Amino acid sequence: MKKILIPIVAVSALAAATVPAVASAQSINQRQDMLERRIDQGVRNHSLTRSEANRLRADLRQTARLEAQYRRGGLSGWERADLDRRFDRISAQIRYERHDRDYGYGYGHGPRR
């Protein structure tokens, strides 16, 4: 039984260690596109106000400018990690703003029936 269990545990540990590497292998442009789509979706379904969306898009543009600056000299590991942290922060802000019950224009302002 031990002979079978040890290889299974080893393979499971190896698979668990590679999952974060695969998640971080997503390109920077793909992450930017995904975040932009989440913002657009939040505006469409009124879970984000226009001002929240504008603020989030400004953060995304600022990060894109920083990425362009980093790429001029070649993207180092530290710079890639910095961009990942910034994208994680923007993603968390989108999640927070979409669930803060601060609904977009028109919510509760329609004609009374």
PDB file of N, CA and C in Angstrom:
ATOM      1  N   MET A   1       0.820  -1.199   0.000  1.00  0.00           N
ATOM      2  CA  MET A   1       0.000   0.000   0.000  1.00  0.00           C
ATOM      3  C   MET A   1       0.862   1.260   0.000  1.00  0.00           C
ATOM      4  N   LYS A   2       1.959   1.237   0.787  1.00  0.00           N
ATOM      5  CA  LYS A   2       2.840   2.399   0.859  1.00  0.00           C
ATOM      6  C   LYS A   2       3.495   2.666  -0.489  1.00  0.00           C
ATOM      7  N   LYS A   3       3.778   1.607  -1.251  1.00  0.00           N
ATOM      8  CA  LYS A   3       4.431   1.765  -2.543  1.00  0.00           C
ATOM      9  C   LYS A   3       3.528   2.515  -3.515  1.00  0.00           C
ATOM     10  N   ILE A   4       2.251   2.368  -3.390  1.00  0.00           N
ATOM     11  CA  ILE A   4       1.304   3.050  -4.271  1.00  0.00           C
ATOM     12  C   ILE A   4       1.026   4.460  -3.756  1.00  0.00           C
ATOM     13  N   LEU A   5       0.935   4.615  -2.466  1.00  0.00           N
ATOM     14  CA  LEU A   5       0.579   5.887  -1.866  1.00  0.00           C
ATOM     15  C   LEU A   5       1.642   6.965  -2.081  1.00  0.00           C
ATOM     16  N   ILE A   6       2.902   6.621  -1.975  1.00  0.00           N
ATOM     17  CA  ILE A   6       3.985   7.595  -2.105  1.00  0.00           C
ATOM     18  C   ILE A   6       4.000   8.228  -3.499  1.00  0.00           C
ATOM     19  N   PRO A   7       3.931   7.456  -4.596  1.00  0.00           N
ATOM     20  CA  PRO A   7       3.892   8.105  -5.919  1.00  0.00           C
ATOM     21  C   PRO A   7       2.646   8.969  -6.126  1.00  0.00           C
ATOM     22  N   ILE A   8       1.522   8.563  -5.578  1.00  0.00           N
ATOM     23  CA  ILE A   8       0.294   9.358  -5.716  1.00  0.00           C
ATOM     24  C   ILE A   8       0.449  10.693  -5.009  1.00  0.00           C
ATOM     25  N   VAL A   9       1.016  10.685  -3.823  1.00  0.00           N
ATOM     26  CA  VAL A   9       1.239  11.923  -3.077  1.00  0.00           C
ATOM     27  C   VAL A   9       2.229  12.816  -3.816  1.00  0.00           C
ATOM     28  N   ALA A  10       3.270  12.221  -4.373  1.00  0.00           N
ATOM     29  CA  ALA A  10       4.278  12.994  -5.099  1.00  0.00           C
ATOM     30  C   ALA A  10       3.675  13.652  -6.334  1.00  0.00           C
ATOM     31  N   VAL A  11       2.868  12.915  -7.079  1.00  0.00           N
ATOM     32  CA  VAL A  11       2.233  13.474  -8.278  1.00  0.00           C
ATOM     33  C   VAL A  11       1.239  14.566  -7.890  1.00  0.00           C
ATOM     34  N   SER A  12       0.500  14.363  -6.825  1.00  0.00           N
ATOM     35  CA  SER A  12      -0.451  15.380  -6.362  1.00  0.00           C
ATOM     36  C   SER A  12       0.261  16.657  -5.945  1.00  0.00           C
ATOM     37  N   ALA A  13       1.365  16.523  -5.254  1.00  0.00           N
ATOM     38  CA  ALA A  13       2.125  17.706  -4.829  1.00  0.00           C
ATOM     39  C   ALA A  13       2.690  18.444  -6.035  1.00  0.00           C
ATOM     40  N   LEU A  14       3.168  17.712  -7.013  1.00  0.00           N
ATOM     41  CA  LEU A  14       3.704  18.330  -8.219  1.00  0.00           C
ATOM     42  C   LEU A  14       2.601  19.055  -8.991  1.00  0.00           C
ATOM     43  N   ALA A  15       1.442  18.445  -9.094  1.00  0.00           N
ATOM     44  CA  ALA A  15       0.321  19.081  -9.797  1.00  0.00           C
ATOM     45  C   ALA A  15      -0.123  20.345  -9.072  1.00  0.00           C
ATOM     46  N   ALA A  16      -0.171  20.317  -7.766  1.00  0.00           N
ATOM     47  CA  ALA A  16      -0.574  21.497  -6.994  1.00  0.00           C
ATOM     48  C   ALA A  16       0.435  22.631  -7.140  1.00  0.00           C
ATOM     49  N   ALA A  17       1.699  22.291  -7.280  1.00  0.00           N
ATOM     50  CA  ALA A  17       2.727  23.323  -7.412  1.00  0.00           C
ATOM     51  C   ALA A  17       2.697  23.976  -8.786  1.00  0.00           C
ATOM     52  N   THR A  18       2.224  23.279  -9.803  1.00  0.00           N
ATOM     53  CA  THR A  18       2.214  23.844 -11.151  1.00  0.00           C
ATOM     54  C   THR A  18       0.986  24.691 -11.432  1.00  0.00           C
ATOM     55  N   VAL A  19      -0.066  24.579 -10.650  1.00  0.00           N
ATOM     56  CA  VAL A  19      -1.275  25.367 -10.887  1.00  0.00           C
ATOM     57  C   VAL A  19      -1.003  26.870 -10.802  1.00  0.00           C
ATOM     58  N   PRO A  20      -0.327  27.401  -9.775  1.00  0.00           N
ATOM     59  CA  PRO A  20      -0.048  28.839  -9.757  1.00  0.00           C
ATOM     60  C   PRO A  20       0.820  29.280 -10.934  1.00  0.00           C
ATOM     61  N   ALA A  21       1.739  28.431 -11.372  1.00  0.00           N
ATOM     62  CA  ALA A  21       2.583  28.792 -12.504  1.00  0.00           C
ATOM     63  C   ALA A  21       1.753  28.935 -13.773  1.00  0.00           C
ATOM     64  N   VAL A  22       0.773  28.070 -13.955  1.00  0.00           N
ATOM     65  CA  VAL A  22      -0.095  28.153 -15.126  1.00  0.00           C
ATOM     66  C   VAL A  22      -0.951  29.409 -15.052  1.00  0.00           C
ATOM     67  N   ALA A  23      -1.460  29.742 -13.868  1.00  0.00           N
ATOM     68  CA  ALA A  23      -2.301  30.927 -13.712  1.00  0.00           C
ATOM     69  C   ALA A  23      -1.511  32.196 -13.999  1.00  0.00           C
ATOM     70  N   SER A  24      -0.240  32.230 -13.621  1.00  0.00           N
ATOM     71  CA  SER A  24       0.544  33.436 -13.864  1.00  0.00           C
ATOM     72  C   SER A  24       1.096  33.486 -15.282  1.00  0.00           C
ATOM     73  N   ALA A  25       0.917  32.403 -16.041  1.00  0.00           N
ATOM     74  CA  ALA A  25       1.406  32.376 -17.419  1.00  0.00           C
ATOM     75  C   ALA A  25       0.485  33.154 -18.359  1.00  0.00           C
ATOM     76  N   GLN A  26      -0.647  33.588 -17.859  1.00  0.00           N
ATOM     77  CA  GLN A  26      -1.557  34.382 -18.668  1.00  0.00           C
ATOM     78  C   GLN A  26      -0.848  35.676 -19.056  1.00  0.00           C
ATOM     79  N   SER A  27      -0.952  36.028 -20.330  1.00  0.00           N
ATOM     80  CA  SER A  27      -0.218  37.208 -20.784  1.00  0.00           C
ATOM     81  C   SER A  27      -0.797  38.483 -20.177  1.00  0.00           C
ATOM     82  N   ILE A  28       0.026  39.494 -20.170  1.00  0.00           N
ATOM     83  CA  ILE A  28      -0.378  40.785 -19.614  1.00  0.00           C
ATOM     84  C   ILE A  28      -1.542  41.348 -20.411  1.00  0.00           C
ATOM     85  N   ASN A  29      -1.475  41.240 -21.722  1.00  0.00           N
ATOM     86  CA  ASN A  29      -2.568  41.751 -22.557  1.00  0.00           C
ATOM     87  C   ASN A  29      -3.868  41.014 -22.306  1.00  0.00           C
ATOM     88  N   GLN A  30      -3.802  39.707 -22.070  1.00  0.00           N
ATOM     89  CA  GLN A  30      -5.011  38.949 -21.759  1.00  0.00           C
ATOM     90  C   GLN A  30      -5.618  39.409 -20.442  1.00  0.00           C
ATOM     91  N   ARG A  31      -4.780  39.676 -19.462  1.00  0.00           N
ATOM     92  CA  ARG A  31      -5.291  40.157 -18.172  1.00  0.00           C
ATOM     93  C   ARG A  31      -5.943  41.517 -18.305  1.00  0.00           C
ATOM     94  N   GLN A  32      -5.304  42.418 -19.079  1.00  0.00           N
ATOM     95  CA  GLN A  32      -5.886  43.743 -19.293  1.00  0.00           C
ATOM     96  C   GLN A  32      -7.243  43.615 -19.974  1.00  0.00           C
ATOM     97  N   ASP A  33      -7.322  42.773 -20.999  1.00  0.00           N
ATOM     98  CA  ASP A  33      -8.585  42.585 -21.718  1.00  0.00           C
ATOM     99  C   ASP A  33      -9.666  42.017 -20.803  1.00  0.00           C
ATOM    100  N   MET A  34      -9.290  41.049 -19.967  1.00  0.00           N
ATOM    101  CA  MET A  34     -10.259  40.443 -19.057  1.00  0.00           C
ATOM    102  C   MET A  34     -10.786  41.482 -18.060  1.00  0.00           C
ATOM    103  N   LEU A  35      -9.892  42.307 -17.513  1.00  0.00           N
ATOM    104  CA  LEU A  35     -10.317  43.322 -16.554  1.00  0.00           C
ATOM    105  C   LEU A  35     -11.214  44.360 -17.225  1.00  0.00           C
ATOM    106  N   GLU A  36     -10.872  44.756 -18.440  1.00  0.00           N
ATOM    107  CA  GLU A  36     -11.702  45.710 -19.180  1.00  0.00           C
ATOM    108  C   GLU A  36     -13.095  45.127 -19.439  1.00  0.00           C
ATOM    109  N   ARG A  37     -13.155  43.843 -19.787  1.00  0.00           N
ATOM    110  CA  ARG A  37     -14.460  43.193 -20.001  1.00  0.00           C
ATOM    111  C   ARG A  37     -15.276  43.157 -18.716  1.00  0.00           C
ATOM    112  N   ARG A  38     -14.628  42.892 -17.577  1.00  0.00           N
ATOM    113  CA  ARG A  38     -15.350  42.874 -16.302  1.00  0.00           C
ATOM    114  C   ARG A  38     -15.914  44.247 -15.971  1.00  0.00           C
ATOM    115  N   ILE A  39     -15.149  45.304 -16.277  1.00  0.00           N
ATOM    116  CA  ILE A  39     -15.642  46.661 -16.035  1.00  0.00           C
ATOM    117  C   ILE A  39     -16.835  46.944 -16.939  1.00  0.00           C
ATOM    118  N   ASP A  40     -16.708  46.615 -18.225  1.00  0.00           N
ATOM    119  CA  ASP A  40     -17.815  46.832 -19.171  1.00  0.00           C
ATOM    120  C   ASP A  40     -19.065  46.070 -18.749  1.00  0.00           C
ATOM    121  N   GLN A  41     -18.882  44.835 -18.316  1.00  0.00           N
ATOM    122  CA  GLN A  41     -20.017  44.037 -17.870  1.00  0.00           C
ATOM    123  C   GLN A  41     -20.674  44.663 -16.644  1.00  0.00           C
ATOM    124  N   GLY A  42     -19.866  45.187 -15.736  1.00  0.00           N
ATOM    125  CA  GLY A  42     -20.404  45.842 -14.546  1.00  0.00           C
ATOM    126  C   GLY A  42     -21.217  47.082 -14.889  1.00  0.00           C
ATOM    127  N   VAL A  43     -20.784  47.820 -15.899  1.00  0.00           N
ATOM    128  CA  VAL A  43     -21.545  49.003 -16.332  1.00  0.00           C
ATOM    129  C   VAL A  43     -22.860  48.560 -16.969  1.00  0.00           C
ATOM    130  N   ARG A  44     -22.780  47.521 -17.809  1.00  0.00           N
ATOM    131  CA  ARG A  44     -23.998  47.043 -18.497  1.00  0.00           C
ATOM    132  C   ARG A  44     -25.053  46.525 -17.530  1.00  0.00           C
ATOM    133  N   ASN A  45     -24.630  45.792 -16.501  1.00  0.00           N
ATOM    134  CA  ASN A  45     -25.628  45.232 -15.580  1.00  0.00           C
ATOM    135  C   ASN A  45     -25.853  46.125 -14.353  1.00  0.00           C
ATOM    136  N   HIS A  46     -25.309  47.335 -14.403  1.00  0.00           N
ATOM    137  CA  HIS A  46     -25.514  48.373 -13.380  1.00  0.00           C
ATOM    138  C   HIS A  46     -24.957  48.006 -12.007  1.00  0.00           C
ATOM    139  N   SER A  47     -23.991  47.086 -11.957  1.00  0.00           N
ATOM    140  CA  SER A  47     -23.342  46.820 -10.680  1.00  0.00           C
ATOM    141  C   SER A  47     -22.179  47.784 -10.454  1.00  0.00           C
ATOM    142  N   LEU A  48     -21.802  48.536 -11.506  1.00  0.00           N
ATOM    143  CA  LEU A  48     -20.803  49.608 -11.395  1.00  0.00           C
ATOM    144  C   LEU A  48     -21.420  50.910 -11.868  1.00  0.00           C
ATOM    145  N   THR A  49     -21.170  51.969 -11.140  1.00  0.00           N
ATOM    146  CA  THR A  49     -21.602  53.281 -11.616  1.00  0.00           C
ATOM    147  C   THR A  49     -20.603  53.751 -12.665  1.00  0.00           C
ATOM    148  N   ARG A  50     -20.980  54.756 -13.415  1.00  0.00           N
ATOM    149  CA  ARG A  50     -20.072  55.279 -14.447  1.00  0.00           C
ATOM    150  C   ARG A  50     -18.802  55.848 -13.806  1.00  0.00           C
ATOM    151  N   SER A  51     -18.946  56.521 -12.677  1.00  0.00           N
ATOM    152  CA  SER A  51     -17.764  57.093 -12.029  1.00  0.00           C
ATOM    153  C   SER A  51     -16.836  55.987 -11.509  1.00  0.00           C
ATOM    154  N   GLU A  52     -17.401  54.906 -10.968  1.00  0.00           N
ATOM    155  CA  GLU A  52     -16.566  53.790 -10.535  1.00  0.00           C
ATOM    156  C   GLU A  52     -15.834  53.184 -11.730  1.00  0.00           C
ATOM    157  N   ALA A  53     -16.564  52.991 -12.829  1.00  0.00           N
ATOM    158  CA  ALA A  53     -15.959  52.416 -14.031  1.00  0.00           C
ATOM    159  C   ALA A  53     -14.857  53.325 -14.568  1.00  0.00           C
ATOM    160  N   ASN A  54     -15.096  54.625 -14.581  1.00  0.00           N
ATOM    161  CA  ASN A  54     -14.078  55.561 -15.065  1.00  0.00           C
ATOM    162  C   ASN A  54     -12.822  55.509 -14.204  1.00  0.00           C
ATOM    163  N   ARG A  55     -12.997  55.426 -12.902  1.00  0.00           N
ATOM    164  CA  ARG A  55     -11.862  55.354 -11.978  1.00  0.00           C
ATOM    165  C   ARG A  55     -11.084  54.045 -12.198  1.00  0.00           C
ATOM    166  N   LEU A  56     -11.808  52.938 -12.374  1.00  0.00           N
ATOM    167  CA  LEU A  56     -11.148  51.653 -12.604  1.00  0.00           C
ATOM    168  C   LEU A  56     -10.412  51.644 -13.947  1.00  0.00           C
ATOM    169  N   ARG A  57     -11.032  52.240 -14.962  1.00  0.00           N
ATOM    170  CA  ARG A  57     -10.370  52.316 -16.273  1.00  0.00           C
ATOM    171  C   ARG A  57      -9.120  53.191 -16.211  1.00  0.00           C
ATOM    172  N   ALA A  58      -9.169  54.254 -15.414  1.00  0.00           N
ATOM    173  CA  ALA A  58      -7.991  55.113 -15.251  1.00  0.00           C
ATOM    174  C   ALA A  58      -6.854  54.322 -14.596  1.00  0.00           C
ATOM    175  N   ASP A  59      -7.177  53.510 -13.591  1.00  0.00           N
ATOM    176  CA  ASP A  59      -6.156  52.654 -12.964  1.00  0.00           C
ATOM    177  C   ASP A  59      -5.573  51.680 -13.980  1.00  0.00           C
ATOM    178  N   LEU A  60      -6.442  51.136 -14.830  1.00  0.00           N
ATOM    179  CA  LEU A  60      -5.992  50.195 -15.849  1.00  0.00           C
ATOM    180  C   LEU A  60      -5.092  50.882 -16.878  1.00  0.00           C
ATOM    181  N   ARG A  61      -5.462  52.102 -17.281  1.00  0.00           N
ATOM    182  CA  ARG A  61      -4.622  52.853 -18.231  1.00  0.00           C
ATOM    183  C   ARG A  61      -3.267  53.193 -17.625  1.00  0.00           C
ATOM    184  N   GLN A  62      -3.276  53.579 -16.354  1.00  0.00           N
ATOM    185  CA  GLN A  62      -2.020  53.908 -15.676  1.00  0.00           C
ATOM    186  C   GLN A  62      -1.107  52.681 -15.625  1.00  0.00           C
ATOM    187  N   THR A  63      -1.674  51.525 -15.363  1.00  0.00           N
ATOM    188  CA  THR A  63      -0.884  50.295 -15.333  1.00  0.00           C
ATOM    189  C   THR A  63      -0.372  49.953 -16.727  1.00  0.00           C
ATOM    190  N   ALA A  64      -1.177  50.215 -17.765  1.00  0.00           N
ATOM    191  CA  ALA A  64      -0.737  49.965 -19.143  1.00  0.00           C
ATOM    192  C   ALA A  64       0.429  50.887 -19.508  1.00  0.00           C
ATOM    193  N   ARG A  65       0.377  52.137 -19.054  1.00  0.00           N
ATOM    194  CA  ARG A  65       1.495  53.061 -19.310  1.00  0.00           C
ATOM    195  C   ARG A  65       2.763  52.587 -18.603  1.00  0.00           C
ATOM    196  N   LEU A  66       2.593  52.098 -17.381  1.00  0.00           N
ATOM    197  CA  LEU A  66       3.734  51.577 -16.638  1.00  0.00           C
ATOM    198  C   LEU A  66       4.308  50.349 -17.350  1.00  0.00           C
ATOM    199  N   GLU A  67       3.435  49.499 -17.863  1.00  0.00           N
ATOM    200  CA  GLU A  67       3.894  48.325 -18.596  1.00  0.00           C
ATOM    201  C   GLU A  67       4.731  48.740 -19.811  1.00  0.00           C
ATOM    202  N   ALA A  68       4.259  49.733 -20.554  1.00  0.00           N
ATOM    203  CA  ALA A  68       4.999  50.218 -21.727  1.00  0.00           C
ATOM    204  C   ALA A  68       6.370  50.743 -21.306  1.00  0.00           C
ATOM    205  N   GLN A  69       6.416  51.435 -20.178  1.00  0.00           N
ATOM    206  CA  GLN A  69       7.690  51.957 -19.665  1.00  0.00           C
ATOM    207  C   GLN A  69       8.622  50.800 -19.295  1.00  0.00           C
ATOM    208  N   TYR A  70       8.082  49.772 -18.632  1.00  0.00           N
ATOM    209  CA  TYR A  70       8.883  48.614 -18.259  1.00  0.00           C
ATOM    210  C   TYR A  70       9.408  47.887 -19.498  1.00  0.00           C
ATOM    211  N   ARG A  71       8.579  47.773 -20.514  1.00  0.00           N
ATOM    212  CA  ARG A  71       8.960  47.008 -21.709  1.00  0.00           C
ATOM    213  C   ARG A  71      10.067  47.681 -22.506  1.00  0.00           C
ATOM    214  N   ARG A  72      10.252  48.976 -22.351  1.00  0.00           N
ATOM    215  CA  ARG A  72      11.312  49.675 -23.088  1.00  0.00           C
ATOM    216  C   ARG A  72      12.681  49.080 -22.806  1.00  0.00           C
ATOM    217  N   GLY A  73      12.917  48.724 -21.567  1.00  0.00           N
ATOM    218  CA  GLY A  73      14.211  48.151 -21.195  1.00  0.00           C
ATOM    219  C   GLY A  73      14.168  46.633 -21.102  1.00  0.00           C
ATOM    220  N   GLY A  74      13.079  46.034 -21.488  1.00  0.00           N
ATOM    221  CA  GLY A  74      12.918  44.595 -21.323  1.00  0.00           C
ATOM    222  C   GLY A  74      12.251  44.305 -19.994  1.00  0.00           C
ATOM    223  N   LEU A  75      11.272  43.444 -19.997  1.00  0.00           N
ATOM    224  CA  LEU A  75      10.475  43.157 -18.813  1.00  0.00           C
ATOM    225  C   LEU A  75      11.209  42.167 -17.907  1.00  0.00           C
ATOM    226  N   SER A  76      11.625  42.622 -16.753  1.00  0.00           N
ATOM    227  CA  SER A  76      12.328  41.746 -15.802  1.00  0.00           C
ATOM    228  C   SER A  76      11.310  40.985 -14.961  1.00  0.00           C
ATOM    229  N   GLY A  77      11.789  40.040 -14.200  1.00  0.00           N
ATOM    230  CA  GLY A  77      10.912  39.262 -13.322  1.00  0.00           C
ATOM    231  C   GLY A  77      10.241  40.143 -12.274  1.00  0.00           C
ATOM    232  N   TRP A  78      11.002  41.090 -11.717  1.00  0.00           N
ATOM    233  CA  TRP A  78      10.434  41.980 -10.711  1.00  0.00           C
ATOM    234  C   TRP A  78       9.337  42.845 -11.320  1.00  0.00           C
ATOM    235  N   GLU A  79       9.582  43.344 -12.543  1.00  0.00           N
ATOM    236  CA  GLU A  79       8.588  44.197 -13.203  1.00  0.00           C
ATOM    237  C   GLU A  79       7.321  43.409 -13.529  1.00  0.00           C
ATOM    238  N   ARG A  80       7.477  42.175 -13.969  1.00  0.00           N
ATOM    239  CA  ARG A  80       6.319  41.322 -14.237  1.00  0.00           C
ATOM    240  C   ARG A  80       5.527  41.093 -12.945  1.00  0.00           C
ATOM    241  N   ALA A  81       6.232  40.832 -11.855  1.00  0.00           N
ATOM    242  CA  ALA A  81       5.563  40.626 -10.562  1.00  0.00           C
ATOM    243  C   ALA A  81       4.856  41.899 -10.112  1.00  0.00           C
ATOM    244  N   ASP A  82       5.482  43.062 -10.343  1.00  0.00           N
ATOM    245  CA  ASP A  82       4.854  44.339  -9.993  1.00  0.00           C
ATOM    246  C   ASP A  82       3.562  44.527 -10.785  1.00  0.00           C
ATOM    247  N   LEU A  83       3.607  44.242 -12.087  1.00  0.00           N
ATOM    248  CA  LEU A  83       2.395  44.360 -12.903  1.00  0.00           C
ATOM    249  C   LEU A  83       1.327  43.384 -12.436  1.00  0.00           C
ATOM    250  N   ASP A  84       1.717  42.156 -12.098  1.00  0.00           N
ATOM    251  CA  ASP A  84       0.751  41.175 -11.592  1.00  0.00           C
ATOM    252  C   ASP A  84       0.084  41.665 -10.313  1.00  0.00           C
ATOM    253  N   ARG A  85       0.879  42.249  -9.401  1.00  0.00           N
ATOM    254  CA  ARG A  85       0.305  42.785  -8.158  1.00  0.00           C
ATOM    255  C   ARG A  85      -0.677  43.917  -8.452  1.00  0.00           C
ATOM    256  N   ARG A  86      -0.318  44.771  -9.389  1.00  0.00           N
ATOM    257  CA  ARG A  86      -1.209  45.882  -9.747  1.00  0.00           C
ATOM    258  C   ARG A  86      -2.510  45.373 -10.365  1.00  0.00           C
ATOM    259  N   PHE A  87      -2.401  44.371 -11.243  1.00  0.00           N
ATOM    260  CA  PHE A  87      -3.609  43.789 -11.838  1.00  0.00           C
ATOM    261  C   PHE A  87      -4.455  43.093 -10.781  1.00  0.00           C
ATOM    262  N   ASP A  88      -3.809  42.431  -9.824  1.00  0.00           N
ATOM    263  CA  ASP A  88      -4.553  41.796  -8.729  1.00  0.00           C
ATOM    264  C   ASP A  88      -5.321  42.850  -7.927  1.00  0.00           C
ATOM    265  N   ARG A  89      -4.679  43.988  -7.675  1.00  0.00           N
ATOM    266  CA  ARG A  89      -5.329  45.059  -6.913  1.00  0.00           C
ATOM    267  C   ARG A  89      -6.528  45.609  -7.685  1.00  0.00           C
ATOM    268  N   ILE A  90      -6.362  45.826  -8.990  1.00  0.00           N
ATOM    269  CA  ILE A  90      -7.472  46.324  -9.810  1.00  0.00           C
ATOM    270  C   ILE A  90      -8.600  45.306  -9.836  1.00  0.00           C
ATOM    271  N   SER A  91      -8.257  44.036  -9.954  1.00  0.00           N
ATOM    272  CA  SER A  91      -9.269  42.980  -9.949  1.00  0.00           C
ATOM    273  C   SER A  91     -10.056  42.982  -8.634  1.00  0.00           C
ATOM    274  N   ALA A  92      -9.342  43.148  -7.525  1.00  0.00           N
ATOM    275  CA  ALA A  92     -10.012  43.203  -6.216  1.00  0.00           C
ATOM    276  C   ALA A  92     -10.904  44.442  -6.118  1.00  0.00           C
ATOM    277  N   GLN A  93     -10.447  45.566  -6.682  1.00  0.00           N
ATOM    278  CA  GLN A  93     -11.273  46.782  -6.667  1.00  0.00           C
ATOM    279  C   GLN A  93     -12.548  46.572  -7.483  1.00  0.00           C
ATOM    280  N   ILE A  94     -12.412  45.925  -8.645  1.00  0.00           N
ATOM    281  CA  ILE A  94     -13.597  45.648  -9.468  1.00  0.00           C
ATOM    282  C   ILE A  94     -14.574  44.786  -8.682  1.00  0.00           C
ATOM    283  N   ARG A  95     -14.053  43.739  -8.046  1.00  0.00           N
ATOM    284  CA  ARG A  95     -14.912  42.842  -7.263  1.00  0.00           C
ATOM    285  C   ARG A  95     -15.626  43.620  -6.154  1.00  0.00           C
ATOM    286  N   TYR A  96     -14.878  44.471  -5.448  1.00  0.00           N
ATOM    287  CA  TYR A  96     -15.472  45.250  -4.366  1.00  0.00           C
ATOM    288  C   TYR A  96     -16.542  46.196  -4.894  1.00  0.00           C
ATOM    289  N   GLU A  97     -16.212  46.958  -5.935  1.00  0.00           N
ATOM    290  CA  GLU A  97     -17.147  47.958  -6.455  1.00  0.00           C
ATOM    291  C   GLU A  97     -18.401  47.311  -7.037  1.00  0.00           C
ATOM    292  N   ARG A  98     -18.255  46.135  -7.632  1.00  0.00           N
ATOM    293  CA  ARG A  98     -19.417  45.471  -8.219  1.00  0.00           C
ATOM    294  C   ARG A  98     -20.367  44.925  -7.151  1.00  0.00           C
ATOM    295  N   HIS A  99     -19.868  44.732  -5.945  1.00  0.00           N
ATOM    296  CA  HIS A  99     -20.700  44.149  -4.888  1.00  0.00           C
ATOM    297  C   HIS A  99     -20.970  45.104  -3.737  1.00  0.00           C
ATOM    298  N   ASP A 100     -20.748  46.403  -3.937  1.00  0.00           N
ATOM    299  CA  ASP A 100     -20.925  47.348  -2.835  1.00  0.00           C
ATOM    300  C   ASP A 100     -22.333  47.937  -2.758  1.00  0.00           C
ATOM    301  N   ARG A 101     -23.231  47.454  -3.576  1.00  0.00           N
ATOM    302  CA  ARG A 101     -24.634  47.906  -3.602  1.00  0.00           C
ATOM    303  C   ARG A 101     -24.761  49.381  -3.948  1.00  0.00           C
ATOM    304  N   ASP A 102     -23.775  49.914  -4.627  1.00  0.00           N
ATOM    305  CA  ASP A 102     -23.812  51.287  -5.116  1.00  0.00           C
ATOM    306  C   ASP A 102     -24.179  51.198  -6.594  1.00  0.00           C
ATOM    307  N   TYR A 103     -25.470  51.161  -6.867  1.00  0.00           N
ATOM    308  CA  TYR A 103     -25.941  50.851  -8.204  1.00  0.00           C
ATOM    309  C   TYR A 103     -25.798  52.026  -9.152  1.00  0.00           C
ATOM    310  N   GLY A 104     -25.747  51.711 -10.428  1.00  0.00           N
ATOM    311  CA  GLY A 104     -25.566  52.727 -11.461  1.00  0.00           C
ATOM    312  C   GLY A 104     -26.763  53.637 -11.602  1.00  0.00           C
ATOM    313  N   TYR A 105     -26.619  54.632 -12.453  1.00  0.00           N
ATOM    314  CA  TYR A 105     -27.672  55.609 -12.687  1.00  0.00           C
ATOM    315  C   TYR A 105     -28.929  54.907 -13.143  1.00  0.00           C
ATOM    316  N   GLY A 106     -30.051  55.342 -12.652  1.00  0.00           N
ATOM    317  CA  GLY A 106     -31.326  54.788 -13.068  1.00  0.00           C
ATOM    318  C   GLY A 106     -31.898  53.823 -12.055  1.00  0.00           C
ATOM    319  N   TYR A 107     -31.090  53.318 -11.152  1.00  0.00           N
ATOM    320  CA  TYR A 107     -31.604  52.376 -10.177  1.00  0.00           C
ATOM    321  C   TYR A 107     -32.438  53.124  -9.152  1.00  0.00           C
ATOM    322  N   GLY A 108     -33.700  52.824  -9.135  1.00  0.00           N
ATOM    323  CA  GLY A 108     -34.598  53.464  -8.190  1.00  0.00           C
ATOM    324  C   GLY A 108     -35.019  54.853  -8.584  1.00  0.00           C
ATOM    325  N   HIS A 109     -34.599  55.325  -9.771  1.00  0.00           N
ATOM    326  CA  HIS A 109     -34.936  56.680 -10.201  1.00  0.00           C
ATOM    327  C   HIS A 109     -35.972  56.688 -11.314  1.00  0.00           C
ATOM    328  N   GLY A 110     -36.507  55.530 -11.635  1.00  0.00           N
ATOM    329  CA  GLY A 110     -37.453  55.441 -12.732  1.00  0.00           C
ATOM    330  C   GLY A 110     -38.813  55.980 -12.321  1.00  0.00           C
ATOM    331  N   PRO A 111     -39.757  56.001 -13.269  1.00  0.00           N
ATOM    332  CA  PRO A 111     -41.099  56.495 -12.940  1.00  0.00           C
ATOM    333  C   PRO A 111     -41.778  55.574 -11.935  1.00  0.00           C
ATOM    334  N   ARG A 112     -42.550  56.168 -11.083  1.00  0.00           N
ATOM    335  CA  ARG A 112     -43.263  55.385 -10.061  1.00  0.00           C
ATOM    336  C   ARG A 112     -44.491  54.770 -10.692  1.00  0.00           C
ATOM    337  N   ARG A 113     -44.758  53.568 -10.318  1.00  0.00           N
ATOM    338  CA  ARG A 113     -45.946  52.879 -10.866  1.00  0.00           C
ATOM    339  C   ARG A 113     -46.880  52.496  -9.794  1.00  0.00           C
TER     340      ARG A 113
END
